[in-house]
Structure formats: structure tokens, C-alpha cells
Amino acid sequence: MSAPVKPNVTMKEVDAIDVRVGTILEVEDVPASRKLVRLHVDFGDFTRHICVGFKAERENPKEVEGKQALFIVNLAPKEMAGVISEGMIFDIGYQDKIKPVLAIPEFEVPNGTRLG
């Protein structure tokens, strides 16, 4: 059974979210967490460290190194298990309790390419 559709948002609200393609350069363990790893992501003109719950979701979190994925890059930085996360990955399936998969471009595009 599908989850109900969330309430409508305006295009202004959608435009406020900066979604970009980045390449995952490295996956680092976050020792203070049972779930988190920290991704080092290349967005072309800048890089970010982004924490994700891959330890709980994947047998080998490093399997995503070198892959492109979609990220929110203008999410306020947040401390998670003693490290700062500077964005959010689009990880499809977690909320529906299925094995999550990355939201990826159909083919390789330049790092930093924006959604829309």
C-alpha cells in the first residue's frame, strides 16, 4: 500500500531547494554511530561532507564510491554523531521500509548539475 500524497507545495517552495548531482569520492566511517557514514562529495566547484545511514542499509557502504547521485546542497549544516553534515542525499525507499537505492542520473553529467 502506498503512503498518502503529502500536501501540495508551491513552485516557490520547490525552487528554494537546491538539488545537484555530485560524485561520491569517499565513504568514511563515523565511529560514534551505529548507522552513519560520512560521504565526501564532489559538486564541481565545491565539495561537501554529507552524513547518511548507510551502515544500517548496506553490507558494504563503500560500494557507492565513484557513483553520481542527487543531493540537497542548501540544507542547513547539522551535527550528527559528532560530525557536521552539509546536505542530504536522495535515498529512495527508506521511508517505505524497503532496501534503499540512490537517486542517480540516467547517464553521467557534470558534477554540480542542477535539478530542473
C-alpha atoms as a PDB file:
ATOM      1  CA  MET A   1       0.000   0.000   0.000  1.00  0.00           C
ATOM      2  CA  SER A   2       1.354   3.388  -0.964  1.00  0.00           C
ATOM      3  CA  ALA A   3       1.821   6.207   1.500  1.00  0.00           C
ATOM      4  CA  PRO A   4      -0.636   9.085   1.131  1.00  0.00           C
ATOM      5  CA  VAL A   5       0.470  12.008  -1.023  1.00  0.00           C
ATOM      6  CA  LYS A   6       1.783  14.905   1.053  1.00  0.00           C
ATOM      7  CA  PRO A   7       0.069  18.322   0.902  1.00  0.00           C
ATOM      8  CA  ASN A   8       0.694  20.479  -2.168  1.00  0.00           C
ATOM      9  CA  VAL A   9       3.635  22.869  -2.203  1.00  0.00           C
ATOM     10  CA  THR A  10       4.187  25.921  -4.363  1.00  0.00           C
ATOM     11  CA  MET A  11       6.826  26.243  -7.086  1.00  0.00           C
ATOM     12  CA  LYS A  12       8.436  28.932  -4.920  1.00  0.00           C
ATOM     13  CA  GLU A  13       8.930  26.322  -2.178  1.00  0.00           C
ATOM     14  CA  VAL A  14      10.331  23.803  -4.667  1.00  0.00           C
ATOM     15  CA  ASP A  15      12.677  26.421  -6.156  1.00  0.00           C
ATOM     16  CA  ALA A  16      14.117  27.077  -2.680  1.00  0.00           C
ATOM     17  CA  ILE A  17      15.628  23.570  -2.610  1.00  0.00           C
ATOM     18  CA  ASP A  18      18.987  23.348  -4.395  1.00  0.00           C
ATOM     19  CA  VAL A  19      19.295  19.800  -5.767  1.00  0.00           C
ATOM     20  CA  ARG A  20      22.532  18.930  -7.568  1.00  0.00           C
ATOM     21  CA  VAL A  21      24.419  15.959  -8.936  1.00  0.00           C
ATOM     22  CA  GLY A  22      27.607  15.048  -7.113  1.00  0.00           C
ATOM     23  CA  THR A  23      30.140  12.246  -7.290  1.00  0.00           C
ATOM     24  CA  ILE A  24      30.790  10.346  -4.072  1.00  0.00           C
ATOM     25  CA  LEU A  25      34.579  10.464  -3.697  1.00  0.00           C
ATOM     26  CA  GLU A  26      34.945   8.682  -0.377  1.00  0.00           C
ATOM     27  CA  VAL A  27      32.876   6.943   2.289  1.00  0.00           C
ATOM     28  CA  GLU A  28      34.230   7.347   5.836  1.00  0.00           C
ATOM     29  CA  ASP A  29      33.076   5.594   8.977  1.00  0.00           C
ATOM     30  CA  VAL A  30      31.518   7.700  11.752  1.00  0.00           C
ATOM     31  CA  PRO A  31      32.828   5.779  14.793  1.00  0.00           C
ATOM     32  CA  ALA A  32      30.324   7.309  17.242  1.00  0.00           C
ATOM     33  CA  SER A  33      27.343   5.963  15.251  1.00  0.00           C
ATOM     34  CA  ARG A  34      25.918   2.505  14.540  1.00  0.00           C
ATOM     35  CA  LYS A  35      24.231   3.793  11.369  1.00  0.00           C
ATOM     36  CA  LEU A  36      26.122   6.756   9.933  1.00  0.00           C
ATOM     37  CA  VAL A  37      28.927   7.112   7.432  1.00  0.00           C
ATOM     38  CA  ARG A  38      30.181  10.415   6.047  1.00  0.00           C
ATOM     39  CA  LEU A  39      30.364  10.931   2.296  1.00  0.00           C
ATOM     40  CA  HIS A  40      32.913  13.263   0.738  1.00  0.00           C
ATOM     41  CA  VAL A  41      31.080  14.539  -2.372  1.00  0.00           C
ATOM     42  CA  ASP A  42      32.412  16.492  -5.383  1.00  0.00           C
ATOM     43  CA  PHE A  43      29.979  19.058  -6.804  1.00  0.00           C
ATOM     44  CA  GLY A  44      32.391  20.529  -9.349  1.00  0.00           C
ATOM     45  CA  ASP A  45      33.052  23.987  -7.868  1.00  0.00           C
ATOM     46  CA  PHE A  46      32.839  22.774  -4.253  1.00  0.00           C
ATOM     47  CA  THR A  47      32.831  19.663  -2.083  1.00  0.00           C
ATOM     48  CA  ARG A  48      30.696  18.726   0.907  1.00  0.00           C
ATOM     49  CA  HIS A  49      30.652  16.175   3.710  1.00  0.00           C
ATOM     50  CA  ILE A  50      27.218  14.562   3.996  1.00  0.00           C
ATOM     51  CA  CYS A  51      26.207  12.007   6.642  1.00  0.00           C
ATOM     52  CA  VAL A  52      23.970   9.106   5.632  1.00  0.00           C
ATOM     53  CA  GLY A  53      22.697   5.960   7.356  1.00  0.00           C
ATOM     54  CA  PHE A  54      24.442   3.503   5.035  1.00  0.00           C
ATOM     55  CA  LYS A  55      25.922   1.307   7.787  1.00  0.00           C
ATOM     56  CA  ALA A  56      22.408   0.148   8.639  1.00  0.00           C
ATOM     57  CA  GLU A  57      21.311  -0.112   4.983  1.00  0.00           C
ATOM     58  CA  ARG A  58      24.253  -1.628   3.097  1.00  0.00           C
ATOM     59  CA  GLU A  59      26.585  -4.541   3.675  1.00  0.00           C
ATOM     60  CA  ASN A  60      29.433  -2.506   2.155  1.00  0.00           C
ATOM     61  CA  PRO A  61      28.848   1.272   2.302  1.00  0.00           C
ATOM     62  CA  LYS A  62      31.987   1.877   0.205  1.00  0.00           C
ATOM     63  CA  GLU A  63      30.216   0.331  -2.823  1.00  0.00           C
ATOM     64  CA  VAL A  64      28.880   3.808  -3.681  1.00  0.00           C
ATOM     65  CA  GLU A  65      32.332   5.385  -4.058  1.00  0.00           C
ATOM     66  CA  GLY A  66      32.704   6.810  -7.567  1.00  0.00           C
ATOM     67  CA  LYS A  67      28.939   6.956  -8.194  1.00  0.00           C
ATOM     68  CA  GLN A  68      26.941  10.047  -9.014  1.00  0.00           C
ATOM     69  CA  ALA A  69      23.777  10.772  -7.037  1.00  0.00           C
ATOM     70  CA  LEU A  70      21.317  13.580  -6.271  1.00  0.00           C
ATOM     71  CA  PHE A  71      21.823  15.719  -3.170  1.00  0.00           C
ATOM     72  CA  ILE A  72      20.271  18.742  -1.480  1.00  0.00           C
ATOM     73  CA  VAL A  73      23.182  21.160  -1.085  1.00  0.00           C
ATOM     74  CA  ASN A  74      21.470  24.073   0.695  1.00  0.00           C
ATOM     75  CA  LEU A  75      20.221  22.202   3.758  1.00  0.00           C
ATOM     76  CA  ALA A  76      21.446  23.889   6.946  1.00  0.00           C
ATOM     77  CA  PRO A  77      24.540  22.116   8.365  1.00  0.00           C
ATOM     78  CA  LYS A  78      23.727  19.743  11.207  1.00  0.00           C
ATOM     79  CA  GLU A  79      25.874  17.937  13.756  1.00  0.00           C
ATOM     80  CA  MET A  80      25.311  14.191  13.661  1.00  0.00           C
ATOM     81  CA  ALA A  81      27.237  11.816  15.971  1.00  0.00           C
ATOM     82  CA  GLY A  82      29.978  14.386  16.451  1.00  0.00           C
ATOM     83  CA  VAL A  83      30.492  15.335  12.780  1.00  0.00           C
ATOM     84  CA  ILE A  84      28.896  18.030  10.638  1.00  0.00           C
ATOM     85  CA  SER A  85      26.648  17.050   7.731  1.00  0.00           C
ATOM     86  CA  GLU A  86      26.357  19.670   4.986  1.00  0.00           C
ATOM     87  CA  GLY A  87      23.453  18.355   2.911  1.00  0.00           C
ATOM     88  CA  MET A  88      21.247  15.363   2.204  1.00  0.00           C
ATOM     89  CA  ILE A  89      21.349  12.505  -0.290  1.00  0.00           C
ATOM     90  CA  PHE A  90      18.232  11.317  -2.105  1.00  0.00           C
ATOM     91  CA  ASP A  91      17.993   7.735  -0.863  1.00  0.00           C
ATOM     92  CA  ILE A  92      14.821   6.141  -2.274  1.00  0.00           C
ATOM     93  CA  GLY A  93      12.902   3.547  -0.263  1.00  0.00           C
ATOM     94  CA  TYR A  94      13.941   4.119   3.355  1.00  0.00           C
ATOM     95  CA  GLN A  95      10.608   5.608   4.456  1.00  0.00           C
ATOM     96  CA  ASP A  96       8.762   2.754   2.740  1.00  0.00           C
ATOM     97  CA  LYS A  97      10.872   0.188   4.622  1.00  0.00           C
ATOM     98  CA  ILE A  98      12.453  -1.319   1.510  1.00  0.00           C
ATOM     99  CA  LYS A  99      16.172  -1.576   0.782  1.00  0.00           C
ATOM    100  CA  PRO A 100      17.129   1.983  -0.172  1.00  0.00           C
ATOM    101  CA  VAL A 101      18.644   2.834  -3.551  1.00  0.00           C
ATOM    102  CA  LEU A 102      20.347   6.002  -4.749  1.00  0.00           C
ATOM    103  CA  ALA A 103      18.589   8.535  -6.963  1.00  0.00           C
ATOM    104  CA  ILE A 104      21.059   8.711  -9.844  1.00  0.00           C
ATOM    105  CA  PRO A 105      21.243  10.451 -13.226  1.00  0.00           C
ATOM    106  CA  GLU A 106      20.370   8.313 -16.246  1.00  0.00           C
ATOM    107  CA  PHE A 107      23.878   8.930 -17.591  1.00  0.00           C
ATOM    108  CA  GLU A 108      26.923  10.800 -16.276  1.00  0.00           C
ATOM    109  CA  VAL A 109      26.578  14.579 -16.184  1.00  0.00           C
ATOM    110  CA  PRO A 110      28.983  17.265 -14.915  1.00  0.00           C
ATOM    111  CA  ASN A 111      29.193  17.458 -11.105  1.00  0.00           C
ATOM    112  CA  GLY A 112      27.130  20.368  -9.842  1.00  0.00           C
ATOM    113  CA  THR A 113      24.397  19.973 -12.496  1.00  0.00           C
ATOM    114  CA  ARG A 114      21.145  21.292 -11.006  1.00  0.00           C
ATOM    115  CA  LEU A 115      17.715  19.689 -10.922  1.00  0.00           C
ATOM    116  CA  GLY A 116      15.134  21.299 -13.192  1.00  0.00           C
END
